[in-house]
């Protein structure tokens, strides 16, 4: 089984990454704590060698007002359970997404409306909660530190090596002060090394709070304390890294929901551009006037009726999935969806109704 030497491995997918400029947000006149409209990237259309492209088209007409999945994983281990996926089944999930014409983007891309992907593909984002060891495990083999090929990161890196034109990434919502089995991937001797490796190799680190206390149980002051303590801990390992997303512990909102986005405590400030829920649906397009970056829903792992496979079948059968037109300066969608478009985008971008 393929293993990755930590100190020397550089994923091939990094060579295929697109320009990562963030698009600007449009002002819709809606309260900033509930909705932020977004604009597409102002970069030129990415030129792709379609004859050698490592992705599959879904075969549906363009619909950039369609729905987007953000997938939610927890434990990766030996057997299937409610919040647990085996490495083999996790890889099957990735293969299913690849074969079904989905294309990986980050949570940041969705929150900011930076959906620059090949024509005929559908964006999706991967997320992991709770920072258990099965998500990212390191092994010592003959004096060398390697990534366990059976952990989530190992599975993803192996899949990327097989499909270098499919830039797989994920956001890890980690816990710095929870019980040891969930504390920053549960190998204290590798904490700094793992966090640095993730960021260097194109993954994102998100907040899951200081130790998973539901924010609704906390006072306003304690919400800010818990979220700034998270920032301080991450900064201790990654001084230049900015955390810009939070997954709410147990999906419970703070009493003052504005504090989920931004706050401060004892001179430390946090600011989240996105807030993720626990469940349990796909999301409207970032170009939809009702899109809320502060209430992004997720689809939980597993083969059940509310899992990724069920949503893929439903989105495809009913043609509700976001399908890219391949042009970041154009929004293409069915004419029947005109009323869904964020009107702020009409003056700035070419709109094509099909």
Protein backbone atom coordinates (compact mmCIF):
# COMPACT_ATOMS: atom_id res chain seq x y z
CA UNK A 1 0.00 0.00 0.00
CA UNK A 2 1.38 3.39 -0.98
CA UNK A 3 2.76 5.55 1.83
CA UNK A 4 3.72 9.21 1.74
CA UNK A 5 6.96 10.44 3.26
CA UNK A 6 5.97 13.54 5.13
CA UNK A 7 9.08 15.60 4.66
CA UNK A 8 9.37 15.19 0.91
CA UNK A 9 5.95 14.51 -0.56
CA UNK A 10 4.42 17.23 -2.73
CA UNK A 11 0.96 16.42 -4.16
CA UNK A 12 0.73 16.54 -7.93
CA UNK A 13 -2.59 18.33 -7.60
CA UNK A 14 -0.79 21.44 -6.41
CA UNK A 15 0.68 21.76 -9.88
CA UNK A 16 -2.81 21.79 -11.38
CA UNK A 17 -4.41 24.31 -9.05
CA UNK A 18 -6.16 27.31 -10.57
CA UNK A 19 -5.58 30.94 -9.68
CA UNK A 20 -6.79 31.32 -6.08
CA UNK A 21 -7.78 34.97 -6.11
CA UNK A 22 -10.82 35.59 -3.96
CA UNK A 23 -13.78 37.29 -5.53
CA UNK A 24 -15.26 40.38 -3.99
CA UNK A 25 -18.61 40.34 -2.24
CA UNK A 26 -21.50 42.30 -3.63
CA UNK A 27 -23.65 44.49 -1.44
CA UNK A 28 -27.24 43.30 -1.45
CA UNK A 29 -28.49 45.56 1.29
CA UNK A 30 -29.12 42.48 3.42
CA UNK A 31 -27.89 42.36 7.01
CA UNK A 32 -24.27 41.20 7.06
CA UNK A 33 -24.89 38.68 9.82
CA UNK A 34 -27.24 36.59 7.69
CA UNK A 35 -26.36 36.84 4.02
CA UNK A 36 -23.45 37.96 1.89
CA UNK A 37 -23.84 37.96 -1.87
CA UNK A 38 -20.75 37.23 -3.88
CA UNK A 39 -19.31 37.90 -7.28
CA UNK A 40 -17.37 35.61 -9.53
CA UNK A 41 -13.61 35.79 -9.83
CA UNK A 42 -12.30 38.49 -12.15
CA UNK A 43 -9.53 36.28 -13.49
CA UNK A 44 -9.54 35.11 -17.09
CA UNK A 45 -11.16 31.84 -17.97
CA UNK A 46 -8.83 29.06 -16.91
CA UNK A 47 -7.40 27.36 -19.97
CA UNK A 48 -7.55 23.61 -19.55
CA UNK A 49 -6.23 20.91 -21.81
CA UNK A 50 -9.56 19.15 -22.23
CA UNK A 51 -8.05 16.25 -24.19
CA UNK A 52 -5.98 15.31 -21.15
CA UNK A 53 -8.35 16.62 -18.50
CA UNK A 54 -8.70 14.49 -15.38
CA UNK A 55 -12.37 15.09 -14.62
CA UNK A 56 -15.74 13.94 -15.89
CA UNK A 57 -18.69 15.98 -17.11
CA UNK A 58 -22.08 15.26 -15.61
CA UNK A 59 -23.73 15.62 -19.03
CA UNK A 60 -26.32 18.15 -17.88
CA UNK A 61 -26.84 21.69 -19.21
CA UNK A 62 -25.24 24.58 -17.34
CA UNK A 63 -27.09 25.65 -14.22
CA UNK A 64 -25.08 27.93 -11.97
CA UNK A 65 -28.11 28.54 -9.79
CA UNK A 66 -28.23 24.85 -8.92
CA UNK A 67 -27.47 23.27 -5.58
CA UNK A 68 -24.08 22.49 -4.02
CA UNK A 69 -23.07 19.79 -1.54
CA UNK A 70 -20.77 20.31 1.43
CA UNK A 71 -19.94 16.85 2.81
CA UNK A 72 -19.34 16.20 6.51
CA UNK A 73 -17.10 13.41 7.84
CA UNK A 74 -16.04 12.48 11.35
CA UNK A 75 -14.28 9.24 12.27
CA UNK A 76 -12.31 7.17 9.77
CA UNK A 77 -11.68 3.68 11.10
CA UNK A 78 -12.00 -0.09 10.91
CA UNK A 79 -15.80 -0.43 10.81
CA UNK A 80 -18.86 1.51 9.71
CA UNK A 81 -20.92 3.32 12.34
CA UNK A 82 -23.23 6.30 12.64
CA UNK A 83 -20.37 8.83 12.59
CA UNK A 84 -17.70 6.57 11.15
CA UNK A 85 -16.53 5.60 7.66
CA UNK A 86 -13.97 2.97 6.75
CA UNK A 87 -11.00 4.04 4.60
CA UNK A 88 -12.25 1.77 1.82
CA UNK A 89 -15.73 3.30 1.83
CA UNK A 90 -14.32 6.81 2.04
CA UNK A 91 -12.33 6.09 -1.10
CA UNK A 92 -15.50 4.72 -2.73
CA UNK A 93 -17.21 8.02 -1.88
CA UNK A 94 -14.44 9.93 -3.64
CA UNK A 95 -14.68 7.64 -6.66
CA UNK A 96 -18.46 8.11 -6.76
CA UNK A 97 -18.04 11.89 -6.75
CA UNK A 98 -15.38 11.72 -9.46
CA UNK A 99 -17.41 9.37 -11.66
CA UNK A 100 -20.57 11.47 -11.23
CA UNK A 101 -19.02 14.67 -12.58
CA UNK A 102 -18.38 16.48 -9.30
CA UNK A 103 -15.32 18.68 -8.90
CA UNK A 104 -13.63 19.63 -5.60
CA UNK A 105 -13.58 23.18 -4.28
CA UNK A 106 -12.97 24.55 -0.79
CA UNK A 107 -15.45 25.89 1.75
CA UNK A 108 -13.73 29.23 1.19
CA UNK A 109 -14.53 29.04 -2.53
CA UNK A 110 -18.21 28.43 -1.84
CA UNK A 111 -18.47 31.12 0.84
CA UNK A 112 -16.88 33.72 -1.43
CA UNK A 113 -18.47 32.60 -4.68
CA UNK A 114 -15.15 31.63 -6.25
CA UNK A 115 -16.46 28.72 -8.32
CA UNK A 116 -13.96 28.45 -11.17
CA UNK A 117 -14.28 24.87 -12.37
CA UNK A 118 -14.51 23.06 -15.72
CA UNK A 119 -17.68 23.24 -17.79
CA UNK A 120 -20.10 20.42 -17.11
CA UNK A 121 -18.89 19.74 -13.57
CA UNK A 122 -20.54 20.33 -10.21
CA UNK A 123 -18.65 21.79 -7.23
CA UNK A 124 -18.57 20.09 -3.85
CA UNK A 125 -16.58 20.64 -0.65
CA UNK A 126 -15.25 18.12 1.87
CA UNK A 127 -15.18 18.82 5.61
CA UNK A 128 -14.01 16.86 8.65
CA UNK A 129 -15.09 17.55 12.23
CA UNK A 130 -13.39 16.79 15.58
CA UNK A 131 -9.75 16.19 14.49
CA UNK A 132 -9.58 12.48 15.38
CA UNK A 133 -6.45 10.49 14.61
CA UNK A 134 -8.16 8.53 11.83
CA UNK A 135 -8.42 11.76 9.86
CA UNK A 136 -4.66 12.36 9.92
CA UNK A 137 -2.29 9.77 11.34
CA UNK A 138 1.48 9.68 11.07
CA UNK A 139 3.62 6.56 11.27
CA UNK A 140 7.32 6.05 11.86
CA UNK A 141 8.75 3.62 9.37
CA UNK A 142 12.47 2.92 9.48
CA UNK A 143 13.16 6.31 11.00
CA UNK A 144 11.02 8.21 8.49
CA UNK A 145 7.73 9.93 9.28
CA UNK A 146 5.05 8.90 6.80
CA UNK A 147 1.32 9.47 6.44
CA UNK A 148 -0.78 6.42 7.21
CA UNK A 149 -2.40 5.44 3.88
CA UNK A 150 -5.52 4.35 5.78
CA UNK A 151 -6.21 7.72 7.38
CA UNK A 152 -8.40 10.25 5.56
CA UNK A 153 -5.45 12.37 4.45
CA UNK A 154 -3.64 9.26 3.20
CA UNK A 155 -6.67 8.17 1.19
CA UNK A 156 -7.10 11.64 -0.31
CA UNK A 157 -3.43 11.97 -1.21
CA UNK A 158 -3.47 8.58 -2.91
CA UNK A 159 -6.61 9.54 -4.83
CA UNK A 160 -5.00 12.82 -5.91
CA UNK A 161 -1.95 10.95 -7.12
CA UNK A 162 -4.22 8.82 -9.31
CA UNK A 163 -6.17 11.90 -10.49
CA UNK A 164 -3.75 14.87 -10.50
CA UNK A 165 -6.17 17.06 -12.45
CA UNK A 166 -8.87 16.71 -9.81
CA UNK A 167 -7.61 19.05 -7.04
CA UNK A 168 -9.03 17.32 -4.00
CA UNK A 169 -8.99 19.37 -0.80
CA UNK A 170 -10.83 19.52 2.53
CA UNK A 171 -11.39 21.75 5.54
CA UNK A 172 -10.57 20.23 8.94
CA UNK A 173 -12.60 21.68 11.82
CA UNK A 174 -10.29 20.91 14.71
CA UNK A 175 -10.45 20.92 18.51
CA UNK A 176 -7.44 22.19 20.51
CA UNK A 177 -8.64 21.46 24.08
CA UNK A 178 -10.95 18.45 23.89
CA UNK A 179 -10.13 14.98 25.30
CA UNK A 180 -6.80 13.62 23.98
CA UNK A 181 -8.39 11.24 21.43
CA UNK A 182 -9.78 14.24 19.52
CA UNK A 183 -7.20 16.90 20.33
CA UNK A 184 -5.58 18.10 17.11
CA UNK A 185 -5.47 14.61 15.58
CA UNK A 186 -4.48 12.83 18.82
CA UNK A 187 -0.73 12.57 18.30
CA UNK A 188 0.69 15.40 20.44
CA UNK A 189 4.23 14.87 19.20
CA UNK A 190 3.06 15.67 15.66
CA UNK A 191 0.60 18.52 16.29
CA UNK A 192 2.67 21.29 14.76
CA UNK A 193 3.94 19.10 11.94
CA UNK A 194 0.42 18.04 10.93
CA UNK A 195 -1.05 21.53 10.95
CA UNK A 196 1.87 22.88 8.94
CA UNK A 197 1.62 20.02 6.45
CA UNK A 198 -2.11 20.53 5.90
CA UNK A 199 -1.75 24.23 5.16
CA UNK A 200 1.32 23.73 2.97
CA UNK A 201 -0.50 21.11 0.93
CA UNK A 202 -3.67 23.02 0.16
CA UNK A 203 -6.01 22.01 2.97
CA UNK A 204 -7.87 24.40 5.26
CA UNK A 205 -8.04 24.59 9.06
CA UNK A 206 -11.37 25.66 10.54
CA UNK A 207 -12.64 26.29 14.05
CA UNK A 208 -14.78 23.75 15.87
CA UNK A 209 -14.42 25.89 19.02
CA UNK A 210 -12.05 25.49 21.94
CA UNK A 211 -13.38 22.17 23.24
CA UNK A 212 -16.74 21.47 21.53
CA UNK A 213 -19.00 23.23 24.02
CA UNK A 214 -22.30 24.13 22.28
CA UNK A 215 -22.22 27.89 21.84
CA UNK A 216 -25.86 28.19 22.89
CA UNK A 217 -24.90 27.19 26.43
CA UNK A 218 -22.39 30.02 26.77
CA UNK A 219 -22.72 33.68 27.67
CA UNK A 220 -21.72 36.24 25.05
CA UNK A 221 -18.43 36.76 26.85
CA UNK A 222 -17.69 33.03 26.99
CA UNK A 223 -18.54 32.52 23.31
CA UNK A 224 -15.89 35.09 22.45
CA UNK A 225 -13.46 33.61 24.96
CA UNK A 226 -13.81 30.10 23.55
CA UNK A 227 -13.44 31.22 19.94
CA UNK A 228 -10.45 33.47 20.61
CA UNK A 229 -8.75 30.72 22.63
CA UNK A 230 -9.04 28.60 19.51
CA UNK A 231 -7.36 31.32 17.45
CA UNK A 232 -4.53 31.67 19.98
CA UNK A 233 -3.86 27.93 19.93
CA UNK A 234 -3.73 27.72 16.14
CA UNK A 235 -1.54 30.82 15.96
CA UNK A 236 0.91 29.12 18.31
CA UNK A 237 1.56 26.56 15.57
CA UNK A 238 0.69 28.62 12.47
CA UNK A 239 1.51 32.28 13.25
CA UNK A 240 0.55 33.56 9.79
CA UNK A 241 -2.56 31.45 9.25
CA UNK A 242 -5.98 33.10 9.34
CA UNK A 243 -8.90 30.91 10.36
CA UNK A 244 -11.94 32.08 8.40
CA UNK A 245 -14.55 29.38 9.00
CA UNK A 246 -16.32 27.71 11.92
CA UNK A 247 -18.40 24.53 12.17
CA UNK A 248 -20.78 24.97 15.09
CA UNK A 249 -20.32 22.32 17.82
CA UNK A 250 -23.38 20.04 17.61
CA UNK A 251 -24.83 22.59 15.19
CA UNK A 252 -26.03 24.76 18.10
CA UNK A 253 -26.17 28.50 17.47
CA UNK A 254 -24.97 31.08 19.96
CA UNK A 255 -27.65 33.13 21.69
CA UNK A 256 -26.19 36.14 19.90
CA UNK A 257 -25.60 34.78 16.42
CA UNK A 258 -23.56 37.81 15.38
CA UNK A 259 -20.80 36.44 17.65
CA UNK A 260 -20.48 33.38 15.43
CA UNK A 261 -19.08 35.64 12.74
CA UNK A 262 -16.84 37.97 14.72
CA UNK A 263 -15.83 38.90 18.25
CA UNK A 264 -12.86 39.56 20.50
CA UNK A 265 -11.52 38.73 23.93
CA UNK A 266 -8.49 40.14 25.74
CA UNK A 267 -7.05 41.70 22.61
CA UNK A 268 -7.56 38.72 20.28
CA UNK A 269 -10.13 38.93 17.49
CA UNK A 270 -11.72 36.28 15.29
CA UNK A 271 -13.62 36.79 12.04
CA UNK A 272 -15.37 33.97 10.21
CA UNK A 273 -16.49 34.38 6.62
CA UNK A 274 -18.54 31.18 6.88
CA UNK A 275 -20.51 29.32 9.54
CA UNK A 276 -21.29 25.64 8.96
CA UNK A 277 -24.16 23.64 10.43
CA UNK A 278 -24.28 19.92 11.29
CA UNK A 279 -26.89 18.98 8.72
CA UNK A 280 -28.54 18.08 6.67
CA UNK A 281 -29.10 19.27 3.15
CA UNK A 282 -27.37 20.67 0.10
CA UNK A 283 -27.10 24.44 -0.41
CA UNK A 284 -28.41 26.96 -2.87
CA UNK A 285 -25.84 28.48 -5.22
CA UNK A 286 -23.67 31.34 -3.94
CA UNK A 287 -25.25 33.35 -6.77
CA UNK A 288 -28.73 32.77 -5.39
CA UNK A 289 -30.17 35.80 -3.60
CA UNK A 290 -31.02 33.63 -0.59
CA UNK A 291 -27.53 32.18 -0.12
CA UNK A 292 -26.22 32.63 3.43
CA UNK A 293 -22.53 32.11 4.09
CA UNK A 294 -23.39 32.12 7.82
CA UNK A 295 -25.66 29.10 7.59
CA UNK A 296 -24.04 26.58 5.26
CA UNK A 297 -25.65 23.15 5.52
CA UNK A 298 -23.81 19.85 5.24
CA UNK A 299 -24.51 16.27 4.20
CA UNK A 300 -23.35 13.63 6.66
CA UNK A 301 -21.22 10.62 5.76
CA UNK A 302 -22.64 7.16 5.13
CA UNK A 303 -24.83 5.16 2.77
CA UNK A 304 -28.13 6.12 4.39
CA UNK A 305 -30.95 8.01 2.68
CA UNK A 306 -29.46 11.35 3.78
CA UNK A 307 -25.90 10.51 2.69
CA UNK A 308 -23.86 11.75 -0.29
CA UNK A 309 -24.97 8.97 -2.65
CA UNK A 310 -28.63 9.74 -2.13
CA UNK A 311 -28.08 13.44 -2.81
CA UNK A 312 -26.06 12.73 -5.95
CA UNK A 313 -28.88 10.58 -7.32
CA UNK A 314 -31.51 13.14 -6.40
CA UNK A 315 -29.60 16.14 -7.78
CA UNK A 316 -28.92 14.34 -11.04
CA UNK A 317 -32.39 12.85 -11.50
CA UNK A 318 -34.17 16.15 -10.87
CA UNK A 319 -31.47 18.29 -12.53
CA UNK A 320 -31.13 20.49 -9.45
CA UNK A 321 -27.33 20.38 -9.19
CA UNK A 322 -25.07 23.35 -9.90
CA UNK A 323 -23.47 22.75 -13.30
CA UNK A 324 -20.64 25.05 -14.34
CA UNK A 325 -20.47 26.79 -17.71
CA UNK A 326 -16.67 26.90 -17.40
CA UNK A 327 -16.52 30.71 -17.65
CA UNK A 328 -15.93 32.59 -14.38
CA UNK A 329 -17.22 35.82 -15.94
CA UNK A 330 -20.59 34.38 -16.93
CA UNK A 331 -23.52 33.02 -14.95
CA UNK A 332 -25.55 30.54 -16.96
CA UNK A 333 -28.82 29.09 -15.68
CA UNK A 334 -32.31 28.05 -16.81
CA UNK A 335 -34.62 30.93 -17.65
CA UNK A 336 -37.10 29.53 -15.14
CA UNK A 337 -34.62 30.39 -12.38
CA UNK A 338 -34.43 34.13 -13.13
CA UNK A 339 -36.11 35.10 -9.88
CA UNK A 340 -33.43 33.27 -7.87
CA UNK A 341 -30.46 35.31 -9.08
CA UNK A 342 -28.89 37.85 -6.76
CA UNK A 343 -29.80 41.07 -8.63
CA UNK A 344 -26.51 42.72 -7.67
CA UNK A 345 -24.75 40.39 -10.11
CA UNK A 346 -26.73 41.45 -13.18
CA UNK A 347 -24.81 44.70 -13.71
CA UNK A 348 -21.39 43.15 -13.20
CA UNK A 349 -21.47 39.85 -15.08
CA UNK A 350 -22.81 38.41 -18.25
CA UNK A 351 -25.99 36.48 -17.53
CA UNK A 352 -27.06 33.74 -19.92
CA UNK A 353 -30.48 32.12 -19.60
CA UNK A 354 -30.88 28.76 -21.30
